[in-house]
Amino acid sequence: MASERTGSLLSVTESRIWKGDELTNGFLMRNADGRVPAITQSGIITLSSNSMYASDMTIPFGCGVFRRLNLVNSSKQEVNTFVVDDTGGAYGGARLGFAGIIKYEQGWAESNPIKNWGVPAYSKFTLIVKGIVGFKYFVEESTLDIASFFDFMKGDKTKRSKIEGYAEILTKWQTAATVPNTHVYLAFSTANGMPIAYVSDRNTFSQPVDDFFTVGRAVLFEPENETIYFELMDNVYFQ
């Protein structure tokens, strides 16, 4: 019999049929012959001053992280889950660069049933820098209730009504499709890396709200797994 919440991706030969109810974002899509390019890298995450993660020091898979450009020559591949601090004005006076998306690690998820939704800051992790990345859940654009999204990714199913998933994003896009050239984009909060999906006219591109960084556009809606895949763009937008 098929089971849910195993922490694994689709398996058609055994019991781990993925029913669209996993909490993990950040699936890197690759086809068998390698024609879909992807670039990943490893590094360490700085969590200081980020109150969102202070209680359990685990970052959800699928979150975006940023790099202060003045640290690019550092010997450590250090990235941040936040960019605002109390010195040097907004963003600490440092120019920023999008570093990547925290990749879903199947091995970690399967061996850590209590925290299979993210990666601890003290462990090794993988960043997706370029590729096609699958997402199931997003911060609700109208409320920006990031706390509820974080709780849901940790397993609080009562918060489902406060976030957006496949169905909600598809409905928004279908409603907006009466306007030519609309598309679905992926952006991350520059305060804590949480994802948001929004619809915009490609000819008059605009960010959904301030303090979000747009990194990709939707290329595949996968109804059987309730997943939207985004291709990371070469030209990202910062507002």
Protein backbone atom coordinates (compact mmCIF):
# COMPACT_ATOMS: atom_id res chain seq x y z
CA MET A 1 0.00 0.00 0.00
CA ALA A 2 1.22 3.49 -0.81
CA SER A 3 2.29 5.66 2.10
CA GLU A 4 2.66 9.39 2.63
CA ARG A 5 5.24 11.60 4.38
CA THR A 6 8.15 9.24 3.98
CA GLY A 7 10.52 12.06 3.13
CA SER A 8 11.26 10.47 -0.24
CA LEU A 9 10.56 11.33 -3.84
CA LEU A 10 8.53 9.26 -6.26
CA SER A 11 9.19 5.53 -6.28
CA VAL A 12 7.01 3.41 -8.55
CA THR A 13 8.40 0.05 -7.44
CA GLU A 14 7.87 0.13 -3.69
CA SER A 15 5.71 1.90 -1.12
CA ARG A 16 6.97 5.45 -1.40
CA ILE A 17 4.53 6.84 -3.94
CA TRP A 18 4.73 10.60 -3.54
CA LYS A 19 1.15 11.79 -2.95
CA GLY A 20 1.76 15.52 -3.14
CA ASP A 21 1.76 15.92 0.65
CA GLU A 22 5.47 16.34 1.33
CA LEU A 23 6.62 19.54 3.02
CA THR A 24 9.94 19.82 1.24
CA ASN A 25 10.64 22.48 -1.39
CA GLY A 26 13.86 22.68 -3.39
CA PHE A 27 13.82 19.61 -5.65
CA LEU A 28 16.44 19.87 -8.38
CA MET A 29 15.04 18.53 -11.65
CA ARG A 30 17.40 16.62 -13.91
CA ASN A 31 16.49 14.39 -16.80
CA ALA A 32 18.23 11.09 -17.45
CA ASP A 33 20.55 12.18 -20.25
CA GLY A 34 21.73 15.35 -18.55
CA ARG A 35 20.33 17.85 -21.03
CA VAL A 36 18.95 20.00 -18.21
CA PRO A 37 21.95 21.97 -16.88
CA ALA A 38 22.36 22.49 -13.16
CA ILE A 39 25.06 24.03 -11.00
CA THR A 40 25.37 23.39 -7.25
CA GLN A 41 27.88 24.30 -4.59
CA SER A 42 28.49 23.68 -0.89
CA GLY A 43 29.04 26.15 1.89
CA ILE A 44 28.18 27.31 5.40
CA ILE A 45 25.26 29.45 6.55
CA THR A 46 25.42 32.41 8.92
CA LEU A 47 22.35 32.63 11.18
CA SER A 48 23.34 35.41 13.57
CA SER A 49 20.68 38.09 14.08
CA ASN A 50 18.05 36.02 12.27
CA SER A 51 15.29 35.56 14.84
CA MET A 52 13.22 33.42 12.47
CA TYR A 53 15.52 30.44 13.03
CA ALA A 54 16.74 31.17 16.54
CA SER A 55 14.58 28.52 18.21
CA ASP A 56 15.76 25.43 16.34
CA MET A 57 18.59 26.50 14.00
CA THR A 58 17.20 24.59 11.01
CA ILE A 59 16.63 26.19 7.59
CA PRO A 60 13.76 24.81 5.47
CA PHE A 61 14.69 23.23 2.16
CA GLY A 62 13.87 25.58 -0.71
CA CYS A 63 14.84 28.80 1.09
CA GLY A 64 16.98 31.32 -0.75
CA VAL A 65 20.24 32.63 0.66
CA PHE A 66 22.38 35.65 -0.19
CA ARG A 67 26.06 36.52 -0.21
CA ARG A 68 27.57 39.82 0.78
CA LEU A 69 29.77 40.70 -2.15
CA ASN A 70 32.49 42.07 0.12
CA LEU A 71 32.93 38.47 1.42
CA VAL A 72 33.34 36.83 -1.97
CA ASN A 73 37.12 36.55 -1.51
CA SER A 74 36.68 34.94 1.89
CA SER A 75 38.20 31.51 2.34
CA LYS A 76 34.82 30.26 3.58
CA GLN A 77 31.87 29.92 1.21
CA GLU A 78 29.70 31.85 3.64
CA VAL A 79 26.10 32.80 2.83
CA ASN A 80 23.40 34.49 4.88
CA THR A 81 19.74 33.85 5.52
CA PHE A 82 19.32 37.59 6.08
CA VAL A 83 20.78 40.80 4.70
CA VAL A 84 19.64 43.53 7.09
CA ASP A 85 21.66 44.48 10.16
CA ASP A 86 22.07 47.43 12.51
CA THR A 87 25.24 48.88 11.02
CA GLY A 88 25.87 50.81 7.85
CA GLY A 89 22.21 51.47 7.06
CA ALA A 90 19.97 49.18 5.02
CA TYR A 91 21.67 45.89 4.12
CA GLY A 92 24.66 46.86 6.25
CA GLY A 93 26.01 49.06 3.48
CA ALA A 94 27.10 45.95 1.57
CA ARG A 95 26.15 45.02 -1.98
CA LEU A 96 24.35 41.69 -2.22
CA GLY A 97 24.30 38.75 -4.58
CA PHE A 98 21.82 35.88 -4.72
CA ALA A 99 23.80 32.78 -3.74
CA GLY A 100 21.29 30.01 -4.40
CA ILE A 101 18.48 27.80 -3.08
CA ILE A 102 18.97 25.25 -0.30
CA LYS A 103 18.61 21.89 -2.04
CA TYR A 104 16.37 19.16 -0.71
CA GLU A 105 18.61 16.43 0.68
CA GLN A 106 16.84 13.09 0.49
CA GLY A 107 19.41 11.28 2.63
CA TRP A 108 19.06 13.79 5.45
CA ALA A 109 15.24 13.73 5.25
CA GLU A 110 15.07 9.95 5.47
CA SER A 111 17.47 9.69 8.40
CA ASN A 112 15.94 12.55 10.42
CA PRO A 113 12.18 11.99 10.72
CA ILE A 114 11.77 14.75 13.30
CA LYS A 115 13.49 17.43 11.21
CA ASN A 116 13.18 16.10 7.68
CA TRP A 117 11.95 19.49 6.49
CA GLY A 118 15.27 21.34 6.49
CA VAL A 119 19.00 21.36 7.06
CA PRO A 120 20.78 22.40 10.27
CA ALA A 121 23.04 25.42 9.97
CA TYR A 122 25.95 23.50 11.45
CA SER A 123 25.89 20.74 8.81
CA LYS A 124 27.04 20.67 5.21
CA PHE A 125 24.45 21.71 2.69
CA THR A 126 24.05 22.13 -1.05
CA LEU A 127 23.01 25.31 -2.85
CA ILE A 128 21.31 25.19 -6.25
CA VAL A 129 22.81 28.04 -8.25
CA LYS A 130 21.37 27.23 -11.66
CA GLY A 131 18.81 24.68 -12.79
CA ILE A 132 15.10 23.87 -12.67
CA VAL A 133 13.85 23.69 -9.09
CA GLY A 134 10.56 22.25 -7.81
CA PHE A 135 8.39 24.02 -5.21
CA LYS A 136 5.20 22.90 -3.49
CA TYR A 137 4.49 25.71 -1.00
CA PHE A 138 4.95 29.48 -0.75
CA VAL A 139 4.40 32.41 1.59
CA GLU A 140 0.98 33.88 0.85
CA GLU A 141 1.54 37.04 -1.17
CA SER A 142 -1.47 38.96 0.18
CA THR A 143 -0.61 38.54 3.87
CA LEU A 144 3.16 37.83 3.85
CA ASP A 145 2.56 35.63 6.91
CA ILE A 146 6.10 34.26 7.01
CA ALA A 147 5.74 32.88 10.53
CA SER A 148 2.84 30.62 9.47
CA PHE A 149 4.81 29.39 6.47
CA PHE A 150 7.75 28.51 8.71
CA ASP A 151 5.47 26.65 11.14
CA PHE A 152 3.83 24.73 8.29
CA MET A 153 7.16 23.64 6.87
CA LYS A 154 8.03 22.34 10.34
CA GLY A 155 4.90 20.16 10.23
CA ASP A 156 2.03 22.29 11.60
CA LYS A 157 -0.76 21.26 9.22
CA THR A 158 -3.22 23.70 10.82
CA LYS A 159 -1.38 26.52 9.00
CA ARG A 160 -2.16 25.18 5.51
CA SER A 161 -4.92 27.77 4.95
CA LYS A 162 -2.40 30.56 5.55
CA ILE A 163 0.04 29.65 2.79
CA GLU A 164 -0.14 29.14 -0.97
CA GLY A 165 0.44 25.92 -2.86
CA TYR A 166 0.06 24.55 -6.36
CA ALA A 167 -3.70 25.10 -6.62
CA GLU A 168 -3.65 28.67 -5.32
CA ILE A 169 -0.82 29.76 -7.62
CA LEU A 170 -2.40 28.09 -10.65
CA THR A 171 -5.72 29.83 -9.95
CA LYS A 172 -3.99 33.23 -9.67
CA TRP A 173 -2.22 32.66 -12.97
CA GLN A 174 -5.37 31.52 -14.76
CA THR A 175 -7.22 34.58 -13.49
CA ALA A 176 -4.43 36.89 -14.64
CA ALA A 177 -4.10 35.13 -18.00
CA THR A 178 -6.72 37.45 -19.48
CA VAL A 179 -3.84 39.95 -19.59
CA PRO A 180 -1.32 39.04 -22.34
CA ASN A 181 2.21 37.93 -21.46
CA THR A 182 1.59 37.10 -17.80
CA HIS A 183 3.85 34.61 -16.08
CA VAL A 184 4.54 33.10 -12.64
CA TYR A 185 7.79 34.13 -10.94
CA LEU A 186 9.69 32.92 -7.87
CA ALA A 187 11.11 35.38 -5.33
CA PHE A 188 12.76 35.15 -1.91
CA SER A 189 12.52 37.36 1.14
CA THR A 190 15.77 39.22 1.73
CA ALA A 191 15.06 39.08 5.47
CA ASN A 192 14.89 35.30 5.88
CA GLY A 193 14.93 33.58 2.47
CA MET A 194 11.29 32.43 2.46
CA PRO A 195 9.79 31.80 -1.03
CA ILE A 196 6.90 33.61 -2.69
CA ALA A 197 5.29 32.94 -6.10
CA TYR A 198 3.55 35.76 -7.92
CA VAL A 199 2.11 36.67 -11.31
CA SER A 200 3.48 39.55 -13.38
CA ASP A 201 3.24 40.92 -16.91
CA ARG A 202 6.55 40.01 -18.55
CA ASN A 203 6.60 43.26 -20.54
CA THR A 204 6.13 45.50 -17.50
CA PHE A 205 7.91 43.36 -14.94
CA SER A 206 7.41 44.35 -11.33
CA GLN A 207 8.29 42.75 -8.02
CA PRO A 208 5.38 41.67 -5.81
CA VAL A 209 6.46 43.64 -2.73
CA ASP A 210 9.57 45.35 -1.39
CA ASP A 211 12.39 43.27 0.11
CA PHE A 212 11.89 40.28 -2.16
CA PHE A 213 14.42 39.14 -4.74
CA THR A 214 13.13 37.52 -7.96
CA VAL A 215 15.23 34.61 -9.17
CA GLY A 216 13.19 32.47 -11.59
CA ARG A 217 10.08 31.87 -13.63
CA ALA A 218 7.75 28.87 -13.82
CA VAL A 219 8.44 26.43 -16.64
CA LEU A 220 6.40 23.38 -15.58
CA PHE A 221 3.20 22.82 -13.61
CA GLU A 222 3.07 19.20 -12.44
CA PRO A 223 -0.47 18.44 -11.20
CA GLU A 224 0.19 14.84 -10.21
CA ASN A 225 2.71 15.98 -7.57
CA GLU A 226 1.20 19.44 -6.94
CA THR A 227 4.56 20.98 -7.80
CA ILE A 228 5.66 24.02 -9.81
CA TYR A 229 9.14 23.96 -11.35
CA PHE A 230 11.02 27.24 -11.81
CA GLU A 231 14.02 27.85 -14.03
CA LEU A 232 16.55 30.06 -12.30
CA MET A 233 17.13 33.12 -14.45
CA ASP A 234 20.48 34.58 -15.45
CA ASN A 235 19.16 38.09 -14.91
CA VAL A 236 17.56 38.41 -11.49
CA TYR A 237 15.77 41.42 -10.08
CA PHE A 238 16.29 43.13 -6.77
CA GLN A 239 14.02 45.73 -5.19
